[in-house]
C-alpha atoms as a PDB file:
ATOM      1  CA  MET A   1       0.056  -0.123  -0.034  1.00  0.00           C
ATOM      2  CA  LEU A   2       0.680   3.257  -1.066  1.00  0.00           C
ATOM      3  CA  ASP A   3       1.987   5.790   2.301  1.00  0.00           C
ATOM      4  CA  GLU A   4      -0.352   8.366   2.688  1.00  0.00           C
ATOM      5  CA  TYR A   5       1.681  11.581   1.571  1.00  0.00           C
ATOM      6  CA  TRP A   6       0.820  10.141  -2.514  1.00  0.00           C
ATOM      7  CA  LYS A   7      -2.332   8.115  -1.347  1.00  0.00           C
ATOM      8  CA  GLN A   8      -4.323   7.713  -4.796  1.00  0.00           C
ATOM      9  CA  LYS A   9      -7.762   5.901  -5.808  1.00  0.00           C
ATOM     10  CA  ASP A  10      -6.893   2.109  -5.703  1.00  0.00           C
ATOM     11  CA  ASP A  11      -3.690   2.726  -5.095  1.00  0.00           C
ATOM     12  CA  ILE A  12      -2.568   3.180  -9.030  1.00  0.00           C
ATOM     13  CA  LEU A  13      -0.237   6.477  -9.037  1.00  0.00           C
ATOM     14  CA  GLU A  14      -0.572   8.470 -11.750  1.00  0.00           C
ATOM     15  CA  LEU A  15       2.963  10.074 -12.293  1.00  0.00           C
ATOM     16  CA  ARG A  16       4.290  12.455 -16.037  1.00  0.00           C
ATOM     17  CA  PRO A  17       6.657  10.295 -17.878  1.00  0.00           C
ATOM     18  CA  HIS A  18       9.416  11.835 -16.187  1.00  0.00           C
ATOM     19  CA  HIS A  19       9.113  10.628 -12.571  1.00  0.00           C
ATOM     20  CA  VAL A  20       8.261   7.485 -14.247  1.00  0.00           C
ATOM     21  CA  ALA A  21      12.343   7.623 -15.246  1.00  0.00           C
ATOM     22  CA  GLU A  22      12.667   8.623 -11.773  1.00  0.00           C
ATOM     23  CA  ILE A  23      12.252   5.380 -10.905  1.00  0.00           C
ATOM     24  CA  VAL A  24      14.555   4.176 -13.759  1.00  0.00           C
ATOM     25  CA  ASP A  25      17.089   6.305 -12.106  1.00  0.00           C
ATOM     26  CA  TYR A  26      15.650   5.382  -8.688  1.00  0.00           C
ATOM     27  CA  LYS A  27      16.421   0.729  -9.150  1.00  0.00           C
ATOM     28  CA  ILE A  28      20.392   1.974 -11.137  1.00  0.00           C
ATOM     29  CA  HIS A  29      21.300   3.612  -8.241  1.00  0.00           C
ATOM     30  CA  PRO A  30      20.151   2.127  -4.558  1.00  0.00           C
ATOM     31  CA  GLU A  31      22.789   3.519  -3.066  1.00  0.00           C
ATOM     32  CA  TYR A  32      20.571   6.578  -3.103  1.00  0.00           C
ATOM     33  CA  PHE A  33      18.760   5.323  -0.719  1.00  0.00           C
ATOM     34  CA  ASP A  34      20.980   4.449   2.142  1.00  0.00           C
ATOM     35  CA  ILE A  35      22.118   8.801   1.448  1.00  0.00           C
ATOM     36  CA  PRO A  36      21.511   9.994   5.563  1.00  0.00           C
ATOM     37  CA  ASN A  37      18.243  12.330   5.226  1.00  0.00           C
ATOM     38  CA  GLU A  38      20.648  16.378   5.494  1.00  0.00           C
ATOM     39  CA  LYS A  39      22.787  15.204   2.406  1.00  0.00           C
ATOM     40  CA  TYR A  40      20.055  13.947   0.058  1.00  0.00           C
ATOM     41  CA  ILE A  41      18.265  16.910   0.350  1.00  0.00           C
ATOM     42  CA  ASN A  42      21.700  19.008  -0.271  1.00  0.00           C
ATOM     43  CA  ILE A  43      21.965  16.563  -3.590  1.00  0.00           C
ATOM     44  CA  TRP A  44      18.828  17.164  -4.932  1.00  0.00           C
ATOM     45  CA  ALA A  45      19.196  21.306  -3.689  1.00  0.00           C
ATOM     46  CA  GLU A  46      22.454  20.816  -5.291  1.00  0.00           C
ATOM     47  CA  SER A  47      21.376  19.354  -8.493  1.00  0.00           C
ATOM     48  CA  TYR A  48      17.761  20.993  -8.537  1.00  0.00           C
ATOM     49  CA  PRO A  49      18.812  24.479  -8.025  1.00  0.00           C
ATOM     50  CA  HIS A  50      15.838  26.271  -8.766  1.00  0.00           C
ATOM     51  CA  ASN A  51      14.491  23.789  -6.188  1.00  0.00           C
ATOM     52  CA  ILE A  52      12.063  25.555  -3.906  1.00  0.00           C
ATOM     53  CA  ARG A  53      10.468  22.205  -2.137  1.00  0.00           C
ATOM     54  CA  PRO A  54      10.698  21.373   0.926  1.00  0.00           C
ATOM     55  CA  ASP A  55      12.993  18.882   2.654  1.00  0.00           C
ATOM     56  CA  VAL A  56       9.720  16.769   3.687  1.00  0.00           C
ATOM     57  CA  PHE A  57       8.705  16.794   0.398  1.00  0.00           C
ATOM     58  CA  VAL A  58      12.179  15.465  -0.994  1.00  0.00           C
ATOM     59  CA  LEU A  59      12.020  12.904   0.855  1.00  0.00           C
ATOM     60  CA  ALA A  60       8.427  11.200   0.569  1.00  0.00           C
ATOM     61  CA  TYR A  61      10.159  11.583  -2.805  1.00  0.00           C
ATOM     62  CA  ARG A  62      12.918   9.450  -2.291  1.00  0.00           C
ATOM     63  CA  ASN A  63      10.337   7.461   0.020  1.00  0.00           C
ATOM     64  CA  LEU A  64       8.583   6.967  -3.031  1.00  0.00           C
ATOM     65  CA  MET A  65      10.730   5.514  -4.856  1.00  0.00           C
ATOM     66  CA  LYS A  66      11.557   4.001  -2.591  1.00  0.00           C
ATOM     67  CA  TYR A  67       8.555   1.438  -1.424  1.00  0.00           C
ATOM     68  CA  LEU A  68       7.600   1.609  -5.156  1.00  0.00           C
ATOM     69  CA  ILE A  69      11.428  -0.688  -6.707  1.00  0.00           C
ATOM     70  CA  ASP A  70      10.462  -2.973  -3.269  1.00  0.00           C
ATOM     71  CA  ASN A  71       6.692  -3.380  -4.846  1.00  0.00           C
ATOM     72  CA  PRO A  72       7.010  -3.729  -8.662  1.00  0.00           C
ATOM     73  CA  ASP A  73       3.738  -5.094  -8.872  1.00  0.00           C
ATOM     74  CA  SER A  74       2.747  -1.331  -7.523  1.00  0.00           C
ATOM     75  CA  LYS A  75       0.331  -0.288 -11.035  1.00  0.00           C
ATOM     76  CA  ILE A  76       1.792   2.834 -12.152  1.00  0.00           C
ATOM     77  CA  LYS A  77      -0.473   4.816 -15.048  1.00  0.00           C
ATOM     78  CA  ILE A  78       2.101   7.424 -17.033  1.00  0.00           C
ATOM     79  CA  VAL A  79      -0.505  10.920 -17.878  1.00  0.00           C
ATOM     80  CA  GLU A  80       0.062  14.424 -19.419  1.00  0.00           C
ATOM     81  CA  GLY A  81       0.706  17.098 -18.023  1.00  0.00           C
ATOM     82  CA  SER A  82       0.409  17.132 -14.087  1.00  0.00           C
ATOM     83  CA  ASP A  83       0.764  14.114 -11.839  1.00  0.00           C
ATOM     84  CA  GLN A  84       0.436  12.756  -8.461  1.00  0.00           C
ATOM     85  CA  ILE A  85       4.162  13.984  -7.286  1.00  0.00           C
ATOM     86  CA  CYS A  86       2.687  17.886  -9.281  1.00  0.00           C
ATOM     87  CA  LYS A  87       0.599  18.176  -7.404  1.00  0.00           C
ATOM     88  CA  LYS A  88       1.956  16.996  -3.910  1.00  0.00           C
ATOM     89  CA  CYS A  89       4.766  19.781  -4.370  1.00  0.00           C
ATOM     90  CA  PRO A  90       4.518  23.095  -3.431  1.00  0.00           C
ATOM     91  CA  ALA A  91       5.356  24.181  -6.526  1.00  0.00           C
ATOM     92  CA  ASP A  92       2.731  22.506  -8.637  1.00  0.00           C
ATOM     93  CA  LYS A  93       1.397  25.590  -9.828  1.00  0.00           C
ATOM     94  CA  LEU A  94       4.346  27.732  -9.737  1.00  0.00           C
ATOM     95  CA  CYS A  95       5.440  25.124 -11.846  1.00  0.00           C
ATOM     96  CA  ASN A  96       1.850  25.383 -14.026  1.00  0.00           C
ATOM     97  CA  SER A  97       1.794  28.226 -14.449  1.00  0.00           C
ATOM     98  CA  LEU A  98       1.786  29.596 -18.991  1.00  0.00           C
ATOM     99  CA  ASP A  99       5.141  32.315 -18.031  1.00  0.00           C
ATOM    100  CA  TRP A 100       7.366  29.844 -15.773  1.00  0.00           C
ATOM    101  CA  LEU A 101       9.601  27.969 -18.220  1.00  0.00           C
ATOM    102  CA  ARG A 102       9.660  24.758 -15.658  1.00  0.00           C
ATOM    103  CA  LYS A 103       6.053  24.072 -17.426  1.00  0.00           C
ATOM    104  CA  SER A 104       8.083  23.777 -20.375  1.00  0.00           C
ATOM    105  CA  GLU A 105      11.068  22.397 -19.150  1.00  0.00           C
ATOM    106  CA  ALA A 106       9.088  19.407 -17.665  1.00  0.00           C
ATOM    107  CA  TYR A 107       7.200  18.906 -20.640  1.00  0.00           C
ATOM    108  CA  ASN A 108      10.288  19.020 -22.582  1.00  0.00           C
ATOM    109  CA  ALA A 109      12.224  16.427 -20.523  1.00  0.00           C
ATOM    110  CA  ASP A 110       8.505  14.210 -20.734  1.00  0.00           C
ATOM    111  CA  ILE A 111       8.962  13.877 -24.442  1.00  0.00           C
ATOM    112  CA  GLN A 112      12.778  13.393 -24.029  1.00  0.00           C
ATOM    113  CA  TRP A 113      11.790  10.288 -22.208  1.00  0.00           C
ATOM    114  CA  ILE A 114       8.813   8.936 -23.864  1.00  0.00           C
ATOM    115  CA  LYS A 115      11.759   8.823 -26.696  1.00  0.00           C
ATOM    116  CA  GLU A 116      15.382   6.942 -24.941  1.00  0.00           C
ATOM    117  CA  ALA A 117      11.753   4.702 -23.674  1.00  0.00           C
ATOM    118  CA  LYS A 118      11.403   2.520 -26.650  1.00  0.00           C
ATOM    119  CA  GLY A 119       8.137   0.225 -25.732  1.00  0.00           C
ATOM    120  CA  ILE A 120       6.609   2.846 -22.059  1.00  0.00           C
ATOM    121  CA  ARG A 121       3.805   4.713 -24.270  1.00  0.00           C
ATOM    122  CA  LEU A 122       0.628   6.917 -22.850  1.00  0.00           C
ATOM    123  CA  ARG A 123      -2.307   4.373 -22.428  1.00  0.00           C
ATOM    124  CA  LYS A 124      -5.514   3.597 -20.769  1.00  0.00           C
ATOM    125  CA  GLU A 125      -3.637   0.805 -18.888  1.00  0.00           C
ATOM    126  CA  PRO A 126      -1.336   1.039 -15.754  1.00  0.00           C
ATOM    127  CA  TYR A 127       2.788  -0.655 -16.547  1.00  0.00           C
ATOM    128  CA  THR A 128       3.196  -1.932 -13.197  1.00  0.00           C
ATOM    129  CA  VAL A 129       7.202  -0.998 -11.864  1.00  0.00           C
ATOM    130  CA  ARG A 130       8.399  -3.628 -13.088  1.00  0.00           C
ATOM    131  CA  GLU A 131       7.073  -3.514 -16.839  1.00  0.00           C
ATOM    132  CA  ILE A 132       8.658  -0.281 -17.040  1.00  0.00           C
ATOM    133  CA  ILE A 133      12.342  -1.301 -15.221  1.00  0.00           C
ATOM    134  CA  GLU A 134      11.918  -4.456 -18.481  1.00  0.00           C
ATOM    135  CA  LEU A 135      10.193  -2.253 -20.098  1.00  0.00           C
ATOM    136  CA  THR A 136      13.358   0.166 -20.129  1.00  0.00           C
ATOM    137  CA  GLU A 137      16.354  -1.593 -18.994  1.00  0.00           C
ATOM    138  CA  ASN A 138      19.589  -1.231 -21.307  1.00  0.00           C
ATOM    139  CA  LYS A 139      17.415   1.030 -24.069  1.00  0.00           C
ATOM    140  CA  ILE A 140      17.913   4.463 -22.026  1.00  0.00           C
ATOM    141  CA  GLU A 141      20.505   5.534 -24.681  1.00  0.00           C
END
């Protein structure tokens, strides 16, 4: 069952493509889960200099990735635009304002990942985390 922070109807998590890509990234780099919280938050802040997310969100995000990797039968529906992660993020309104660059950055990241993933598509039926990893393993360029 999903953590209450990410709770979604029917335990199907709706994620946009570049957030799905993060599952694969965390699967490839399990050391992310062993980093102490404070150091992880600092790494996140360095990776995202425009970071306007509170620490609780950053840590909940890492916990979500851990949950999904540890529970490969978890269901993910790939969606366009704001997803369950965006909706929990304090920056969601800002990211989705028409005049802000981040909206196009997120959209471009989604398009790029769909091109690279070779096999992952937007569809009505959810994928399992296992399917996502199998379809993308060794196919990301």
